[in-house]
Amino acid sequence: MSTTSTASSSASAALSEPSELVVYRHALRTLNAAGAPYLVGGAYAFAHYTGVHRHTKDFDIFVRPTERDVILSVLADAGYRTEVTFTHWLGKAFAGDVLIDVIFSSGNGLCVVDDEWFRHARRAELLGVPVLLSPPEEMIWSKAFIMERERYDGADINHLLHACGAGLDWKRLLARFDTHWPVLLSHLVLFAFAYPNARDRVPAWVLADLLRAAIAENAVAPAGVCRGTLLSRQYLHDVRRHGYRDARLEGGGMTPDELAQWTQAFEVDDLGKRTGSRSK
């Protein structure tokens, strides 16, 4: 699905020669004026919580799936070129070379943006505009599954735990991971390794409960499903060569068509990178 609109007079000044901050500020003000529900996430929310600042090529807003089209329409009416890039998790809005990601789930289909994100959002001011930020619990949850060769968000999680661990709603965070609690446990073990003098940021009962669960779950599971695909496309090898079923199709929130589109996009990107590296 793609939507394109000519820049309106109200947006023309901001969009004629867009700089990133001008566009981001304009988009936020546009959404606020329309009463559109969204949360700011990504690098800006991360910097707010951790103090770690970094330049990124895009700006992330999070919306409920049911409100995705409304948000994109508001931005299209304001002069942005918009599209639903992947139907299971991502839309985009463009102003020249400046990109805004409109996120309503996660690439693996697990971390759907729901009312809980908004109920626990934090108020802040960004670029002079009042906004709501994605909660740190949901940031940890969604980042925990990003373990690609070229991107691993473990350091982000460690910084969030270091900065926010003492104030996190740990019961809610555990509920978010649900049966995927081993992923959270793996990050908590690495946090203790990275910050041995800050282990108290994670309540002792959390680690104890997860370790007890890990010890109790010692039976070998029946063959069939590879959950590695929830973490990285590197596990597609096991699906294709060893006959494993892809966990993203086993209650992972993706249809076969969405999975095929998502996989193809990565493979085209990988091919382009390999071809580019050979041509240099």
Protein backbone atom coordinates (compact mmCIF):
# COMPACT_ATOMS: atom_id res chain seq x y z
CA MET A 1 0.00 0.00 0.00
CA SER A 2 1.39 3.40 -0.95
CA THR A 3 0.07 6.92 -0.46
CA THR A 4 1.49 10.06 -2.04
CA SER A 5 0.35 13.65 -1.58
CA THR A 6 1.51 17.00 -2.89
CA ALA A 7 3.01 19.11 -0.12
CA SER A 8 0.36 21.32 1.45
CA SER A 9 0.98 25.02 1.97
CA SER A 10 1.28 24.48 5.73
CA ALA A 11 4.09 21.99 5.20
CA SER A 12 5.86 23.58 2.24
CA ALA A 13 8.36 25.56 4.31
CA ALA A 14 9.35 22.50 6.31
CA LEU A 15 9.48 20.16 3.33
CA SER A 16 10.98 22.32 0.58
CA GLU A 17 14.58 21.80 1.69
CA PRO A 18 14.22 19.35 4.53
CA SER A 19 16.78 19.05 7.25
CA GLU A 20 16.26 16.19 9.63
CA LEU A 21 15.36 18.14 12.74
CA VAL A 22 13.02 20.48 10.86
CA VAL A 23 11.17 17.52 9.37
CA TYR A 24 10.97 15.63 12.65
CA ARG A 25 9.64 18.69 14.47
CA HIS A 26 7.11 19.32 11.71
CA ALA A 27 5.92 15.70 11.79
CA LEU A 28 5.49 15.75 15.56
CA ARG A 29 3.55 19.01 15.47
CA THR A 30 1.40 17.69 12.63
CA LEU A 31 0.51 14.53 14.53
CA ASN A 32 -0.17 16.45 17.75
CA ALA A 33 -2.43 18.92 15.94
CA ALA A 34 -4.42 16.02 14.50
CA GLY A 35 -4.71 14.33 17.89
CA ALA A 36 -3.05 11.25 16.40
CA PRO A 37 -1.81 8.72 19.00
CA TYR A 38 1.85 7.83 18.66
CA LEU A 39 4.96 7.24 20.75
CA VAL A 40 8.52 8.32 20.03
CA GLY A 41 11.01 5.48 20.25
CA GLY A 42 14.33 4.64 18.68
CA ALA A 43 17.43 6.72 19.22
CA TYR A 44 15.60 9.70 20.74
CA ALA A 45 13.84 7.69 23.44
CA PHE A 46 17.04 5.73 24.02
CA ALA A 47 19.00 8.95 24.56
CA HIS A 48 16.34 10.27 26.94
CA TYR A 49 16.57 7.18 29.15
CA THR A 50 20.30 6.43 28.97
CA GLY A 51 22.08 9.65 28.02
CA VAL A 52 23.67 7.81 25.09
CA HIS A 53 23.29 10.00 22.00
CA ARG A 54 23.89 8.83 18.46
CA HIS A 55 23.00 9.98 15.00
CA THR A 56 20.66 7.71 13.04
CA LYS A 57 19.32 7.95 9.52
CA ASP A 58 15.67 7.84 10.54
CA PHE A 59 13.17 8.71 13.25
CA ASP A 60 10.98 6.08 14.90
CA ILE A 61 7.39 6.52 15.97
CA PHE A 62 5.31 3.65 17.33
CA VAL A 63 1.59 3.27 16.70
CA ARG A 64 -1.11 0.69 17.24
CA PRO A 65 -1.71 -1.51 14.15
CA THR A 66 -5.33 -0.37 14.05
CA GLU A 67 -4.18 3.25 13.80
CA ARG A 68 -1.39 2.76 11.29
CA ASP A 69 -3.38 3.97 8.29
CA VAL A 70 -4.72 6.98 10.18
CA ILE A 71 -1.19 8.07 11.11
CA LEU A 72 0.08 7.59 7.57
CA SER A 73 -2.90 9.53 6.18
CA VAL A 74 -2.25 12.47 8.52
CA LEU A 75 1.36 12.60 7.36
CA ALA A 76 0.37 12.17 3.70
CA ASP A 77 -2.11 15.04 3.97
CA ALA A 78 0.72 17.17 5.37
CA GLY A 79 2.90 16.52 2.32
CA TYR A 80 4.87 13.39 3.16
CA ARG A 81 5.18 10.44 0.80
CA THR A 82 4.01 7.42 2.75
CA GLU A 83 3.90 3.68 2.33
CA VAL A 84 3.22 0.46 4.18
CA THR A 85 6.59 -1.17 3.63
CA PHE A 86 5.90 -4.46 5.41
CA THR A 87 2.32 -5.28 6.32
CA HIS A 88 3.23 -7.11 9.52
CA TRP A 89 5.22 -4.34 11.21
CA LEU A 90 6.43 -1.24 9.35
CA GLY A 91 5.30 1.84 7.44
CA LYS A 92 7.39 4.80 6.30
CA ALA A 93 6.98 8.52 5.69
CA PHE A 94 9.45 10.42 3.51
CA ALA A 95 10.29 14.09 3.13
CA GLY A 96 13.02 14.23 0.54
CA ASP A 97 15.86 12.13 1.92
CA VAL A 98 14.53 12.28 5.47
CA LEU A 99 12.78 9.16 6.73
CA ILE A 100 10.29 8.52 9.51
CA ASP A 101 9.60 4.90 10.44
CA VAL A 102 6.03 4.20 11.51
CA ILE A 103 6.35 1.00 13.56
CA PHE A 104 3.39 -1.07 14.73
CA SER A 105 5.06 -4.37 15.61
CA SER A 106 8.52 -5.93 15.29
CA GLY A 107 10.29 -7.56 12.37
CA ASN A 108 9.68 -11.03 13.83
CA GLY A 109 5.99 -10.23 14.42
CA LEU A 110 6.13 -10.71 18.20
CA CYS A 111 6.20 -7.26 19.76
CA VAL A 112 2.92 -5.75 18.63
CA VAL A 113 2.28 -2.19 19.78
CA ASP A 114 -0.79 -2.37 22.02
CA ASP A 115 -2.52 -0.33 24.71
CA GLU A 116 0.16 -1.26 27.27
CA TRP A 117 2.74 0.74 25.34
CA PHE A 118 0.59 3.84 25.67
CA ARG A 119 -0.58 3.17 29.23
CA HIS A 120 3.04 3.17 30.49
CA ALA A 121 4.50 5.79 28.14
CA ARG A 122 6.67 8.55 29.60
CA ARG A 123 6.05 12.25 28.97
CA ALA A 124 8.90 14.28 27.52
CA GLU A 125 9.69 17.24 25.30
CA LEU A 126 11.50 16.63 22.05
CA LEU A 127 12.59 19.40 19.67
CA GLY A 128 10.34 21.75 21.62
CA VAL A 129 7.31 19.52 21.12
CA PRO A 130 5.51 17.60 23.93
CA VAL A 131 5.59 13.88 23.19
CA LEU A 132 5.11 10.48 24.76
CA LEU A 133 8.06 8.07 24.75
CA SER A 134 7.95 4.30 24.36
CA PRO A 135 8.29 2.73 27.83
CA PRO A 136 11.72 1.30 28.67
CA GLU A 137 10.14 -2.12 29.31
CA GLU A 138 8.82 -2.28 25.75
CA MET A 139 12.12 -1.01 24.38
CA ILE A 140 13.95 -3.83 26.13
CA TRP A 141 11.37 -6.37 24.97
CA SER A 142 11.52 -5.40 21.31
CA LYS A 143 15.30 -4.94 21.21
CA ALA A 144 15.97 -8.27 22.89
CA PHE A 145 15.20 -10.23 19.71
CA ILE A 146 17.55 -8.26 17.45
CA MET A 147 20.60 -10.49 16.99
CA GLU A 148 21.59 -10.18 13.36
CA ARG A 149 25.19 -10.34 12.11
CA GLU A 150 25.11 -6.65 11.25
CA ARG A 151 23.00 -5.49 14.18
CA TYR A 152 22.88 -6.73 17.75
CA ASP A 153 21.02 -4.64 20.31
CA GLY A 154 22.50 -6.24 23.42
CA ALA A 155 24.52 -3.16 24.32
CA ASP A 156 21.36 -1.03 24.06
CA ILE A 157 19.61 -3.36 26.49
CA ASN A 158 22.54 -3.22 28.89
CA HIS A 159 22.48 0.57 28.83
CA LEU A 160 18.71 0.60 29.44
CA LEU A 161 19.11 -1.84 32.34
CA HIS A 162 21.93 0.21 33.81
CA ALA A 163 19.96 3.46 33.56
CA CYS A 164 16.43 2.24 34.29
CA GLY A 165 16.73 -1.17 35.95
CA ALA A 166 15.97 0.04 39.47
CA GLY A 167 12.68 1.57 38.32
CA LEU A 168 11.48 -1.01 35.83
CA ASP A 169 8.19 -2.84 36.26
CA TRP A 170 9.83 -6.25 36.27
CA LYS A 171 6.62 -8.25 36.57
CA ARG A 172 5.29 -6.51 33.49
CA LEU A 173 8.56 -7.05 31.64
CA LEU A 174 8.49 -10.76 32.46
CA ALA A 175 4.90 -10.94 31.24
CA ARG A 176 5.97 -9.33 27.97
CA PHE A 177 8.53 -12.05 27.32
CA ASP A 178 6.13 -14.78 28.46
CA THR A 179 7.34 -18.12 27.01
CA HIS A 180 10.32 -16.36 25.46
CA TRP A 181 11.79 -15.70 28.91
CA PRO A 182 15.11 -17.44 27.99
CA VAL A 183 15.86 -14.48 25.71
CA LEU A 184 15.50 -12.10 28.65
CA LEU A 185 17.61 -14.37 30.85
CA SER A 186 20.42 -14.36 28.28
CA HIS A 187 20.50 -10.56 28.34
CA LEU A 188 20.46 -10.41 32.13
CA VAL A 189 23.44 -12.76 32.32
CA LEU A 190 25.35 -10.54 29.87
CA PHE A 191 24.35 -7.44 31.84
CA ALA A 192 25.89 -8.91 35.00
CA PHE A 193 29.03 -9.66 33.01
CA ALA A 194 29.22 -6.16 31.52
CA TYR A 195 28.47 -4.35 34.80
CA PRO A 196 29.52 -6.60 37.70
CA ASN A 197 29.21 -3.70 40.15
CA ALA A 198 25.64 -2.89 39.00
CA ARG A 199 24.01 -6.27 39.37
CA ASP A 200 21.61 -4.83 41.92
CA ARG A 201 19.86 -2.99 39.06
CA VAL A 202 18.20 -6.36 38.40
CA PRO A 203 16.17 -7.63 41.39
CA ALA A 204 17.59 -10.87 42.76
CA TRP A 205 14.20 -12.58 42.60
CA VAL A 206 13.99 -11.98 38.83
CA LEU A 207 17.26 -13.72 38.09
CA ALA A 208 16.53 -16.47 40.62
CA ASP A 209 13.12 -17.22 39.10
CA LEU A 210 14.52 -17.34 35.58
CA LEU A 211 17.45 -19.55 36.55
CA ARG A 212 15.09 -21.96 38.33
CA ALA A 213 12.97 -22.09 35.18
CA ALA A 214 16.07 -22.76 33.07
CA ILE A 215 17.14 -25.62 35.33
CA ALA A 216 13.65 -27.10 35.35
CA GLU A 217 13.42 -26.97 31.55
CA ASN A 218 16.14 -29.52 30.98
CA ALA A 219 14.29 -32.01 28.79
CA VAL A 220 15.12 -32.05 25.10
CA ALA A 221 12.21 -30.60 23.15
CA PRO A 222 10.68 -32.58 20.29
CA ALA A 223 12.26 -31.91 16.92
CA GLY A 224 10.45 -29.56 14.61
CA VAL A 225 10.56 -25.84 15.38
CA CYS A 226 13.58 -23.52 15.22
CA ARG A 227 13.01 -20.43 17.36
CA GLY A 228 16.29 -18.95 16.17
CA THR A 229 14.43 -17.26 13.33
CA LEU A 230 12.80 -15.02 15.95
CA LEU A 231 16.30 -13.66 16.58
CA SER A 232 18.09 -13.64 13.24
CA ARG A 233 17.74 -14.61 9.58
CA GLN A 234 20.98 -16.57 10.03
CA TYR A 235 18.77 -19.45 11.21
CA LEU A 236 17.05 -19.69 7.82
CA HIS A 237 19.83 -22.14 6.98
CA ASP A 238 18.35 -24.57 9.50
CA VAL A 239 14.84 -24.16 8.13
CA ARG A 240 15.96 -24.70 4.56
CA ARG A 241 18.62 -27.36 5.05
CA HIS A 242 17.58 -29.29 8.15
CA GLY A 243 13.81 -29.29 7.87
CA TYR A 244 12.99 -27.13 10.89
CA ARG A 245 9.71 -25.24 10.94
CA ASP A 246 10.04 -21.47 11.19
CA ALA A 247 8.85 -20.25 14.61
CA ARG A 248 7.61 -17.03 13.03
CA LEU A 249 4.81 -19.09 11.50
CA GLU A 250 4.12 -20.92 14.77
CA GLY A 251 2.20 -18.20 16.57
CA GLY A 252 4.82 -15.61 15.72
CA GLY A 253 2.42 -13.10 14.23
CA MET A 254 3.35 -13.45 10.54
CA THR A 255 1.53 -14.97 7.60
CA PRO A 256 3.40 -17.06 5.02
CA ASP A 257 3.13 -14.21 2.50
CA GLU A 258 4.48 -11.66 5.01
CA LEU A 259 7.33 -13.98 5.90
CA ALA A 260 8.21 -14.47 2.23
CA GLN A 261 8.20 -10.70 1.60
CA TRP A 262 10.32 -9.98 4.68
CA THR A 263 12.83 -12.71 3.81
CA GLN A 264 13.07 -11.62 0.17
CA ALA A 265 13.77 -8.02 1.19
CA PHE A 266 16.69 -9.13 3.33
CA GLU A 267 18.08 -11.42 0.65
CA VAL A 268 17.95 -8.67 -1.99
CA ASP A 269 19.73 -6.34 0.44
CA ASP A 270 22.34 -8.99 1.24
CA LEU A 271 22.94 -9.64 -2.47
CA GLY A 272 23.38 -5.93 -3.11
CA LYS A 273 25.94 -5.65 -0.32
CA ARG A 274 27.90 -8.65 -1.60
CA THR A 275 27.85 -7.35 -5.17
CA GLY A 276 28.91 -3.89 -4.01
CA SER A 277 31.79 -5.25 -1.97
CA ARG A 278 33.13 -7.19 -4.97
CA SER A 279 32.95 -4.18 -7.22
CA LYS A 280 35.10 -1.97 -4.99
